């Protein structure tokens, strides 16, 4: 996956100064721009999905998802 992102110029690998065997991954300006575009698209889609739920239902769904996330840690 990283290779594909790197080929598209969205990330770059740089040597890790504290460990010669590894690299650090840095998001490029193009990568930050793509991420901003993706966030807009995700926010739009989430709004579409949430439109059919009441505020109480949306709160319950968020609580459930947060519970799952916490349980995975």
PDB file of N, CA and C in Angstrom:
ATOM      1  N   UNK A   1       0.822  -1.179   0.000  1.00  0.00           N
ATOM      2  CA  UNK A   1       0.000   0.000   0.000  1.00  0.00           C
ATOM      3  C   UNK A   1       0.877   1.257   0.000  1.00  0.00           C
ATOM      4  N   UNK A   2       1.907   1.257   0.823  1.00  0.00           N
ATOM      5  CA  UNK A   2       2.781   2.425   0.860  1.00  0.00           C
ATOM      6  C   UNK A   2       3.449   2.671  -0.482  1.00  0.00           C
ATOM      7  N   UNK A   3       3.792   1.600  -1.160  1.00  0.00           N
ATOM      8  CA  UNK A   3       4.427   1.742  -2.467  1.00  0.00           C
ATOM      9  C   UNK A   3       3.538   2.489  -3.442  1.00  0.00           C
ATOM     10  N   UNK A   4       2.256   2.175  -3.434  1.00  0.00           N
ATOM     11  CA  UNK A   4       1.321   2.858  -4.320  1.00  0.00           C
ATOM     12  C   UNK A   4       1.185   4.333  -3.969  1.00  0.00           C
ATOM     13  N   UNK A   5       1.115   4.631  -2.687  1.00  0.00           N
ATOM     14  CA  UNK A   5       1.032   6.028  -2.255  1.00  0.00           C
ATOM     15  C   UNK A   5       2.298   6.789  -2.633  1.00  0.00           C
ATOM     16  N   UNK A   6       3.418   6.100  -2.503  1.00  0.00           N
ATOM     17  CA  UNK A   6       4.698   6.723  -2.852  1.00  0.00           C
ATOM     18  C   UNK A   6       4.786   6.980  -4.356  1.00  0.00           C
ATOM     19  N   UNK A   7       4.352   6.019  -5.167  1.00  0.00           N
ATOM     20  CA  UNK A   7       4.368   6.196  -6.619  1.00  0.00           C
ATOM     21  C   UNK A   7       3.494   7.359  -7.062  1.00  0.00           C
ATOM     22  N   UNK A   8       2.413   7.587  -6.347  1.00  0.00           N
ATOM     23  CA  UNK A   8       1.518   8.699  -6.671  1.00  0.00           C
ATOM     24  C   UNK A   8       2.003  10.029  -6.099  1.00  0.00           C
ATOM     25  N   UNK A   9       3.106  10.006  -5.364  1.00  0.00           N
ATOM     26  CA  UNK A   9       3.654  11.232  -4.798  1.00  0.00           C
ATOM     27  C   UNK A   9       2.909  11.739  -3.580  1.00  0.00           C
ATOM     28  N   UNK A  10       2.150  10.843  -2.916  1.00  0.00           N
ATOM     29  CA  UNK A  10       1.363  11.255  -1.761  1.00  0.00           C
ATOM     30  C   UNK A  10       2.127  11.114  -0.451  1.00  0.00           C
ATOM     31  N   UNK A  11       3.127  10.256  -0.439  1.00  0.00           N
ATOM     32  CA  UNK A  11       3.996  10.092   0.726  1.00  0.00           C
ATOM     33  C   UNK A  11       5.432   9.973   0.248  1.00  0.00           C
ATOM     34  N   UNK A  12       6.345  10.123   1.169  1.00  0.00           N
ATOM     35  CA  UNK A  12       7.750   9.818   0.878  1.00  0.00           C
ATOM     36  C   UNK A  12       8.359   9.141   2.097  1.00  0.00           C
ATOM     37  N   UNK A  13       9.267   8.254   1.817  1.00  0.00           N
ATOM     38  CA  UNK A  13       9.981   7.555   2.884  1.00  0.00           C
ATOM     39  C   UNK A  13      11.316   8.255   3.093  1.00  0.00           C
ATOM     40  N   UNK A  14      11.612   8.492   4.356  1.00  0.00           N
ATOM     41  CA  UNK A  14      12.892   9.128   4.701  1.00  0.00           C
ATOM     42  C   UNK A  14      13.585   8.248   5.726  1.00  0.00           C
ATOM     43  N   UNK A  15      14.919   8.213   5.685  1.00  0.00           N
ATOM     44  CA  UNK A  15      15.638   7.413   6.672  1.00  0.00           C
ATOM     45  C   UNK A  15      15.304   7.861   8.090  1.00  0.00           C
ATOM     46  N   UNK A  16      15.217   6.894   8.971  1.00  0.00           N
ATOM     47  CA  UNK A  16      14.989   7.177  10.388  1.00  0.00           C
ATOM     48  C   UNK A  16      16.343   7.468  11.017  1.00  0.00           C
ATOM     49  N   UNK A  17      16.567   8.673  11.504  1.00  0.00           N
ATOM     50  CA  UNK A  17      17.892   9.006  12.045  1.00  0.00           C
ATOM     51  C   UNK A  17      18.263   8.207  13.288  1.00  0.00           C
ATOM     52  N   UNK A  18      17.277   7.658  13.973  1.00  0.00           N
ATOM     53  CA  UNK A  18      17.596   6.908  15.187  1.00  0.00           C
ATOM     54  C   UNK A  18      17.661   5.401  14.958  1.00  0.00           C
ATOM     55  N   UNK A  19      17.314   4.946  13.742  1.00  0.00           N
ATOM     56  CA  UNK A  19      17.351   3.512  13.439  1.00  0.00           C
ATOM     57  C   UNK A  19      17.594   3.337  11.941  1.00  0.00           C
ATOM     58  N   UNK A  20      18.805   3.001  11.584  1.00  0.00           N
ATOM     59  CA  UNK A  20      19.182   2.902  10.168  1.00  0.00           C
ATOM     60  C   UNK A  20      18.412   1.841   9.399  1.00  0.00           C
ATOM     61  N   UNK A  21      17.785   0.902  10.102  1.00  0.00           N
ATOM     62  CA  UNK A  21      17.069  -0.180   9.428  1.00  0.00           C
ATOM     63  C   UNK A  21      15.668   0.211   8.996  1.00  0.00           C
ATOM     64  N   UNK A  22      15.178   1.349   9.469  1.00  0.00           N
ATOM     65  CA  UNK A  22      13.792   1.722   9.184  1.00  0.00           C
ATOM     66  C   UNK A  22      13.709   3.090   8.514  1.00  0.00           C
ATOM     67  N   UNK A  23      12.540   3.378   8.020  1.00  0.00           N
ATOM     68  CA  UNK A  23      12.256   4.672   7.412  1.00  0.00           C
ATOM     69  C   UNK A  23      11.070   5.304   8.118  1.00  0.00           C
ATOM     70  N   UNK A  24      10.982   6.609   8.013  1.00  0.00           N
ATOM     71  CA  UNK A  24       9.809   7.337   8.486  1.00  0.00           C
ATOM     72  C   UNK A  24       8.976   7.697   7.259  1.00  0.00           C
ATOM     73  N   UNK A  25       7.684   7.683   7.441  1.00  0.00           N
ATOM     74  CA  UNK A  25       6.771   8.015   6.360  1.00  0.00           C
ATOM     75  C   UNK A  25       6.298   9.448   6.558  1.00  0.00           C
ATOM     76  N   UNK A  26       6.403  10.252   5.509  1.00  0.00           N
ATOM     77  CA  UNK A  26       5.983  11.654   5.566  1.00  0.00           C
ATOM     78  C   UNK A  26       4.956  11.897   4.461  1.00  0.00           C
ATOM     79  N   UNK A  27       3.899  12.587   4.818  1.00  0.00           N
ATOM     80  CA  UNK A  27       2.872  12.948   3.843  1.00  0.00           C
ATOM     81  C   UNK A  27       3.361  14.178   3.086  1.00  0.00           C
ATOM     82  N   UNK A  28       3.258  14.126   1.769  1.00  0.00           N
ATOM     83  CA  UNK A  28       3.687  15.248   0.927  1.00  0.00           C
ATOM     84  C   UNK A  28       2.567  16.291   0.843  1.00  0.00           C
ATOM     85  N   UNK A  29       2.875  17.426   0.236  1.00  0.00           N
ATOM     86  CA  UNK A  29       1.847  18.447   0.014  1.00  0.00           C
ATOM     87  C   UNK A  29       0.706  17.871  -0.824  1.00  0.00           C
ATOM     88  N   UNK A  30       1.053  17.089  -1.848  1.00  0.00           N
ATOM     89  CA  UNK A  30       0.018  16.447  -2.670  1.00  0.00           C
ATOM     90  C   UNK A  30      -0.819  15.488  -1.833  1.00  0.00           C
ATOM     91  N   UNK A  31      -0.171  14.802  -0.913  1.00  0.00           N
ATOM     92  CA  UNK A  31      -0.887  13.888  -0.026  1.00  0.00           C
ATOM     93  C   UNK A  31      -1.828  14.625   0.908  1.00  0.00           C
ATOM     94  N   UNK A  32      -1.383  15.763   1.417  1.00  0.00           N
ATOM     95  CA  UNK A  32      -2.256  16.561   2.288  1.00  0.00           C
ATOM     96  C   UNK A  32      -3.454  17.096   1.507  1.00  0.00           C
ATOM     97  N   UNK A  33      -3.230  17.507   0.277  1.00  0.00           N
ATOM     98  CA  UNK A  33      -4.331  17.996  -0.557  1.00  0.00           C
ATOM     99  C   UNK A  33      -5.335  16.881  -0.837  1.00  0.00           C
ATOM    100  N   UNK A  34      -4.819  15.697  -1.149  1.00  0.00           N
ATOM    101  CA  UNK A  34      -5.713  14.560  -1.407  1.00  0.00           C
ATOM    102  C   UNK A  34      -6.497  14.201  -0.164  1.00  0.00           C
ATOM    103  N   UNK A  35      -5.857  14.246   0.990  1.00  0.00           N
ATOM    104  CA  UNK A  35      -6.540  13.956   2.246  1.00  0.00           C
ATOM    105  C   UNK A  35      -7.653  14.968   2.512  1.00  0.00           C
ATOM    106  N   UNK A  36      -7.394  16.237   2.241  1.00  0.00           N
ATOM    107  CA  UNK A  36      -8.421  17.269   2.428  1.00  0.00           C
ATOM    108  C   UNK A  36      -9.614  16.998   1.517  1.00  0.00           C
ATOM    109  N   UNK A  37      -9.351  16.616   0.270  1.00  0.00           N
ATOM    110  CA  UNK A  37     -10.438  16.279  -0.664  1.00  0.00           C
ATOM    111  C   UNK A  37     -11.228  15.076  -0.155  1.00  0.00           C
ATOM    112  N   UNK A  38     -10.525  14.097   0.346  1.00  0.00           N
ATOM    113  CA  UNK A  38     -11.185  12.889   0.846  1.00  0.00           C
ATOM    114  C   UNK A  38     -12.056  13.209   2.049  1.00  0.00           C
ATOM    115  N   UNK A  39     -11.576  14.073   2.920  1.00  0.00           N
ATOM    116  CA  UNK A  39     -12.369  14.433   4.101  1.00  0.00           C
ATOM    117  C   UNK A  39     -13.671  15.108   3.706  1.00  0.00           C
ATOM    118  N   UNK A  40     -13.623  15.966   2.690  1.00  0.00           N
ATOM    119  CA  UNK A  40     -14.835  16.618   2.202  1.00  0.00           C
ATOM    120  C   UNK A  40     -15.815  15.572   1.686  1.00  0.00           C
ATOM    121  N   UNK A  41     -15.312  14.625   0.888  1.00  0.00           N
ATOM    122  CA  UNK A  41     -16.173  13.568   0.340  1.00  0.00           C
ATOM    123  C   UNK A  41     -16.745  12.681   1.442  1.00  0.00           C
ATOM    124  N   UNK A  42     -15.943  12.364   2.437  1.00  0.00           N
ATOM    125  CA  UNK A  42     -16.410  11.526   3.547  1.00  0.00           C
ATOM    126  C   UNK A  42     -17.462  12.274   4.362  1.00  0.00           C
ATOM    127  N   UNK A  43     -17.219  13.539   4.642  1.00  0.00           N
ATOM    128  CA  UNK A  43     -18.197  14.330   5.395  1.00  0.00           C
ATOM    129  C   UNK A  43     -19.531  14.399   4.649  1.00  0.00           C
ATOM    130  N   UNK A  44     -19.460  14.590   3.335  1.00  0.00           N
ATOM    131  CA  UNK A  44     -20.681  14.651   2.524  1.00  0.00           C
ATOM    132  C   UNK A  44     -21.433  13.322   2.582  1.00  0.00           C
ATOM    133  N   UNK A  45     -20.716  12.235   2.434  1.00  0.00           N
ATOM    134  CA  UNK A  45     -21.360  10.915   2.447  1.00  0.00           C
ATOM    135  C   UNK A  45     -21.946  10.601   3.811  1.00  0.00           C
ATOM    136  N   UNK A  46     -21.223  10.934   4.874  1.00  0.00           N
ATOM    137  CA  UNK A  46     -21.748  10.706   6.222  1.00  0.00           C
ATOM    138  C   UNK A  46     -23.032  11.488   6.444  1.00  0.00           C
ATOM    139  N   UNK A  47     -23.076  12.724   5.953  1.00  0.00           N
ATOM    140  CA  UNK A  47     -24.287  13.535   6.096  1.00  0.00           C
ATOM    141  C   UNK A  47     -25.455  12.883   5.361  1.00  0.00           C
ATOM    142  N   UNK A  48     -25.183  12.331   4.171  1.00  0.00           N
ATOM    143  CA  UNK A  48     -26.231  11.630   3.425  1.00  0.00           C
ATOM    144  C   UNK A  48     -26.738  10.423   4.202  1.00  0.00           C
ATOM    145  N   UNK A  49     -25.821   9.660   4.769  1.00  0.00           N
ATOM    146  CA  UNK A  49     -26.199   8.469   5.520  1.00  0.00           C
ATOM    147  C   UNK A  49     -26.957   8.813   6.791  1.00  0.00           C
ATOM    148  N   UNK A  50     -26.545   9.879   7.463  1.00  0.00           N
ATOM    149  CA  UNK A  50     -27.162  10.268   8.721  1.00  0.00           C
ATOM    150  C   UNK A  50     -28.528  10.930   8.541  1.00  0.00           C
ATOM    151  N   UNK A  51     -28.820  11.409   7.355  1.00  0.00           N
ATOM    152  CA  UNK A  51     -30.051  12.166   7.128  1.00  0.00           C
ATOM    153  C   UNK A  51     -31.302  11.373   7.496  1.00  0.00           C
ATOM    154  N   UNK A  52     -31.264  10.067   7.369  1.00  0.00           N
ATOM    155  CA  UNK A  52     -32.423   9.244   7.666  1.00  0.00           C
ATOM    156  C   UNK A  52     -32.598   8.886   9.134  1.00  0.00           C
ATOM    157  N   UNK A  53     -31.702   9.359   9.989  1.00  0.00           N
ATOM    158  CA  UNK A  53     -31.761   9.019  11.409  1.00  0.00           C
ATOM    159  C   UNK A  53     -32.134  10.235  12.244  1.00  0.00           C
ATOM    160  N   UNK A  54     -32.772   9.990  13.348  1.00  0.00           N
ATOM    161  CA  UNK A  54     -33.051  11.063  14.295  1.00  0.00           C
ATOM    162  C   UNK A  54     -31.765  11.417  15.034  1.00  0.00           C
ATOM    163  N   UNK A  55     -31.723  12.585  15.685  1.00  0.00           N
ATOM    164  CA  UNK A  55     -30.527  12.918  16.476  1.00  0.00           C
ATOM    165  C   UNK A  55     -30.232  11.870  17.547  1.00  0.00           C
ATOM    166  N   UNK A  56     -31.257  11.310  18.152  1.00  0.00           N
ATOM    167  CA  UNK A  56     -31.052  10.280  19.178  1.00  0.00           C
ATOM    168  C   UNK A  56     -30.428   9.023  18.573  1.00  0.00           C
ATOM    169  N   UNK A  57     -30.894   8.643  17.404  1.00  0.00           N
ATOM    170  CA  UNK A  57     -30.330   7.468  16.741  1.00  0.00           C
ATOM    171  C   UNK A  57     -28.881   7.717  16.354  1.00  0.00           C
ATOM    172  N   UNK A  58     -28.586   8.908  15.845  1.00  0.00           N
ATOM    173  CA  UNK A  58     -27.196   9.232  15.482  1.00  0.00           C
ATOM    174  C   UNK A  58     -26.299   9.167  16.715  1.00  0.00           C
ATOM    175  N   UNK A  59     -26.781   9.668  17.846  1.00  0.00           N
ATOM    176  CA  UNK A  59     -26.004   9.603  19.083  1.00  0.00           C
ATOM    177  C   UNK A  59     -25.750   8.173  19.515  1.00  0.00           C
ATOM    178  N   UNK A  60     -26.779   7.334  19.387  1.00  0.00           N
ATOM    179  CA  UNK A  60     -26.625   5.919  19.759  1.00  0.00           C
ATOM    180  C   UNK A  60     -25.620   5.223  18.850  1.00  0.00           C
ATOM    181  N   UNK A  61     -25.671   5.530  17.577  1.00  0.00           N
ATOM    182  CA  UNK A  61     -24.731   4.922  16.617  1.00  0.00           C
ATOM    183  C   UNK A  61     -23.305   5.348  16.945  1.00  0.00           C
ATOM    184  N   UNK A  62     -23.104   6.637  17.200  1.00  0.00           N
ATOM    185  CA  UNK A  62     -21.755   7.123  17.536  1.00  0.00           C
ATOM    186  C   UNK A  62     -21.247   6.484  18.825  1.00  0.00           C
ATOM    187  N   UNK A  63     -22.126   6.377  19.817  1.00  0.00           N
ATOM    188  CA  UNK A  63     -21.732   5.736  21.078  1.00  0.00           C
ATOM    189  C   UNK A  63     -21.312   4.299  20.837  1.00  0.00           C
ATOM    190  N   UNK A  64     -22.074   3.592  20.014  1.00  0.00           N
ATOM    191  CA  UNK A  64     -21.769   2.194  19.708  1.00  0.00           C
ATOM    192  C   UNK A  64     -20.422   2.083  18.999  1.00  0.00           C
ATOM    193  N   UNK A  65     -20.196   2.948  18.000  1.00  0.00           N
ATOM    194  CA  UNK A  65     -18.929   2.906  17.265  1.00  0.00           C
ATOM    195  C   UNK A  65     -17.751   3.245  18.178  1.00  0.00           C
ATOM    196  N   UNK A  66     -17.930   4.227  19.048  1.00  0.00           N
ATOM    197  CA  UNK A  66     -16.861   4.565  19.995  1.00  0.00           C
ATOM    198  C   UNK A  66     -16.585   3.418  20.941  1.00  0.00           C
ATOM    199  N   UNK A  67     -17.635   2.701  21.356  1.00  0.00           N
ATOM    200  CA  UNK A  67     -17.464   1.534  22.214  1.00  0.00           C
ATOM    201  C   UNK A  67     -16.672   0.438  21.524  1.00  0.00           C
ATOM    202  N   UNK A  68     -16.965   0.220  20.270  1.00  0.00           N
ATOM    203  CA  UNK A  68     -16.212  -0.782  19.498  1.00  0.00           C
ATOM    204  C   UNK A  68     -14.750  -0.373  19.390  1.00  0.00           C
ATOM    205  N   UNK A  69     -14.531   0.892  19.078  1.00  0.00           N
ATOM    206  CA  UNK A  69     -13.163   1.393  18.951  1.00  0.00           C
ATOM    207  C   UNK A  69     -12.398   1.222  20.262  1.00  0.00           C
ATOM    208  N   UNK A  70     -13.032   1.554  21.350  1.00  0.00           N
ATOM    209  CA  UNK A  70     -12.395   1.428  22.661  1.00  0.00           C
ATOM    210  C   UNK A  70     -12.109  -0.038  22.980  1.00  0.00           C
ATOM    211  N   UNK A  71     -13.022  -0.916  22.656  1.00  0.00           N
ATOM    212  CA  UNK A  71     -12.834  -2.341  22.931  1.00  0.00           C
ATOM    213  C   UNK A  71     -11.675  -2.931  22.130  1.00  0.00           C
ATOM    214  N   UNK A  72     -11.396  -2.362  20.961  1.00  0.00           N
ATOM    215  CA  UNK A  72     -10.308  -2.853  20.111  1.00  0.00           C
ATOM    216  C   UNK A  72      -8.935  -2.466  20.646  1.00  0.00           C
ATOM    217  N   UNK A  73      -8.862  -1.492  21.536  1.00  0.00           N
ATOM    218  CA  UNK A  73      -7.564  -1.026  22.052  1.00  0.00           C
ATOM    219  C   UNK A  73      -7.030  -1.966  23.045  1.00  0.00           C
TER     220      UNK A  73
END
